[in-house]
Amino acid sequence: MRRRFAIISLSIAWLLATGSQWDLVQAIAWGRMFVGYARTMSLAKSVKETFDPEKPCALCYAVHKAKQQQENQTIPTEVRLREKMLLIFQPVAVLLTATPVANRWLIHDQEPLSAGRPSPPVPPPRARAQA
């Protein structure tokens, strides 16, 4: 459920960032225009009247105006790319570390710890039960 919510939230944010909300409103406006024309005209004529650029409805005009306003507010692509390049080549702090000095192992350190110990006692074999 949490992953589904995250995916839906990310999708909505992406759609709003790209301006797709205006495409959705435009589709709703066309649907309303088509229904209004279909009440009085044939289907072919109502489709033709709906998509006629000479006769926009109030909602179509509002969407067009909002899209133009959004395009005027966006930063040109060259400016955005130049700003991103500046962020990529920011100076990085130099981090110097000293390598630790490795101690040399002596020969007696390389022998296993159990070298001087006796082996553990082995229990006698179990007698097999005669069946």
Protein backbone atom coordinates (compact mmCIF):
# COMPACT_ATOMS: atom_id res chain seq x y z
CA MET A 1 0.00 0.00 0.00
CA ARG A 2 2.85 2.36 0.85
CA ARG A 3 4.63 1.68 -2.44
CA ARG A 4 1.41 2.23 -4.41
CA PHE A 5 0.90 5.58 -2.67
CA ALA A 6 4.48 6.61 -3.47
CA ILE A 7 4.09 5.68 -7.14
CA ILE A 8 0.78 7.53 -7.45
CA SER A 9 2.20 10.61 -5.71
CA LEU A 10 5.26 10.62 -7.95
CA SER A 11 3.11 10.24 -11.08
CA ILE A 12 0.86 13.13 -10.06
CA ALA A 13 3.87 15.33 -9.30
CA TRP A 14 5.41 14.47 -12.69
CA LEU A 15 2.15 15.25 -14.53
CA LEU A 16 1.79 18.58 -12.75
CA ALA A 17 5.44 19.48 -13.36
CA THR A 18 5.08 18.86 -17.10
CA GLY A 19 1.85 20.85 -17.37
CA SER A 20 -0.34 17.88 -18.22
CA GLN A 21 -3.16 19.22 -16.05
CA TRP A 22 -3.98 21.62 -18.89
CA ASP A 23 -4.25 18.73 -21.33
CA LEU A 24 -6.73 17.06 -18.98
CA VAL A 25 -8.78 20.25 -18.67
CA GLN A 26 -8.71 20.63 -22.47
CA ALA A 27 -10.04 17.08 -22.90
CA ILE A 28 -12.84 17.85 -20.45
CA ALA A 29 -13.66 21.03 -22.37
CA TRP A 30 -13.83 19.11 -25.66
CA GLY A 31 -16.08 16.52 -24.05
CA ARG A 32 -18.46 19.20 -22.79
CA MET A 33 -18.49 20.89 -26.19
CA PHE A 34 -19.16 17.59 -27.97
CA VAL A 35 -22.06 16.72 -25.66
CA GLY A 36 -23.54 20.19 -26.13
CA TYR A 37 -23.27 20.02 -29.93
CA ALA A 38 -24.49 16.40 -30.10
CA ARG A 39 -27.84 17.38 -28.58
CA THR A 40 -28.73 19.49 -31.58
CA MET A 41 -26.51 18.22 -34.45
CA SER A 42 -25.41 14.96 -36.03
CA LEU A 43 -22.35 13.23 -34.56
CA ALA A 44 -20.09 14.04 -37.51
CA LYS A 45 -21.03 17.70 -37.47
CA SER A 46 -20.72 17.93 -33.68
CA VAL A 47 -17.17 16.47 -33.85
CA LYS A 48 -16.28 18.97 -36.58
CA GLU A 49 -17.69 21.88 -34.56
CA THR A 50 -15.96 20.69 -31.37
CA PHE A 51 -12.48 20.74 -32.90
CA ASP A 52 -12.97 23.88 -34.97
CA PRO A 53 -10.23 26.30 -33.86
CA GLU A 54 -12.37 29.26 -34.86
CA LYS A 55 -14.97 28.52 -32.15
CA PRO A 56 -13.26 27.90 -28.80
CA CYS A 57 -15.37 27.75 -25.65
CA ALA A 58 -14.56 29.73 -22.50
CA LEU A 59 -12.74 26.76 -20.97
CA CYS A 60 -10.64 26.26 -24.13
CA TYR A 61 -9.70 29.93 -24.04
CA ALA A 62 -8.73 29.67 -20.35
CA VAL A 63 -6.56 26.60 -21.05
CA HIS A 64 -4.81 28.36 -23.95
CA LYS A 65 -4.14 31.41 -21.79
CA ALA A 66 -2.82 29.27 -18.90
CA LYS A 67 -0.49 27.32 -21.22
CA GLN A 68 0.93 30.55 -22.64
CA GLN A 69 1.44 31.93 -19.15
CA GLN A 70 3.22 28.72 -18.09
CA GLU A 71 5.51 28.83 -21.14
CA ASN A 72 6.44 32.43 -20.37
CA GLN A 73 7.39 31.52 -16.80
CA THR A 74 9.65 28.59 -17.65
CA ILE A 75 13.39 29.12 -17.94
CA PRO A 76 14.90 28.52 -21.39
CA THR A 77 16.67 25.20 -21.81
CA GLU A 78 20.12 26.73 -22.38
CA VAL A 79 20.00 28.59 -19.08
CA ARG A 80 18.95 25.45 -17.19
CA LEU A 81 21.77 23.44 -18.76
CA ARG A 82 24.37 26.06 -17.94
CA GLU A 83 23.23 26.15 -14.32
CA LYS A 84 23.41 22.37 -14.09
CA MET A 85 26.92 22.36 -15.50
CA LEU A 86 28.00 24.76 -12.79
CA LEU A 87 26.63 22.40 -10.16
CA ILE A 88 28.47 19.44 -11.64
CA PHE A 89 31.88 21.10 -11.53
CA GLN A 90 31.71 22.53 -8.02
CA PRO A 91 35.03 22.23 -6.16
CA VAL A 92 35.26 19.16 -3.98
CA ALA A 93 36.94 19.15 -0.60
CA VAL A 94 40.14 17.13 -0.63
CA LEU A 95 40.27 14.40 1.99
CA LEU A 96 43.70 13.06 2.87
CA THR A 97 44.11 9.97 4.97
CA ALA A 98 47.23 8.24 6.22
CA THR A 99 47.55 4.54 5.60
CA PRO A 100 47.86 2.57 8.83
CA VAL A 101 51.21 1.00 9.56
CA ALA A 102 50.95 -2.78 9.33
CA ASN A 103 52.72 -4.75 12.03
CA ARG A 104 54.77 -7.67 10.80
CA TRP A 105 53.81 -11.05 12.10
CA LEU A 106 56.43 -13.11 13.77
CA ILE A 107 56.87 -16.79 12.88
CA HIS A 108 55.43 -18.06 16.16
CA ASP A 109 52.33 -15.89 15.60
CA GLN A 110 51.54 -17.85 12.45
CA GLU A 111 51.14 -21.16 14.27
CA PRO A 112 47.60 -22.14 15.22
CA LEU A 113 46.60 -21.62 18.83
CA SER A 114 45.89 -25.34 19.27
CA ALA A 115 49.47 -26.37 18.39
CA GLY A 116 50.58 -27.11 21.96
CA ARG A 117 47.30 -28.53 23.25
CA PRO A 118 46.42 -32.20 23.38
CA SER A 119 43.66 -33.42 21.08
CA PRO A 120 40.21 -33.71 22.65
CA PRO A 121 39.23 -37.10 24.04
CA VAL A 122 37.29 -39.30 21.66
CA PRO A 123 34.42 -41.27 23.15
CA PRO A 124 34.50 -45.05 22.65
CA PRO A 125 32.47 -46.38 19.74
CA ARG A 126 28.94 -47.31 20.57
CA ALA A 127 28.05 -50.91 20.63
CA ARG A 128 25.76 -51.86 17.81
CA ALA A 129 22.48 -53.25 18.90
CA GLN A 130 21.96 -56.76 17.63
CA ALA A 131 18.60 -57.09 16.00
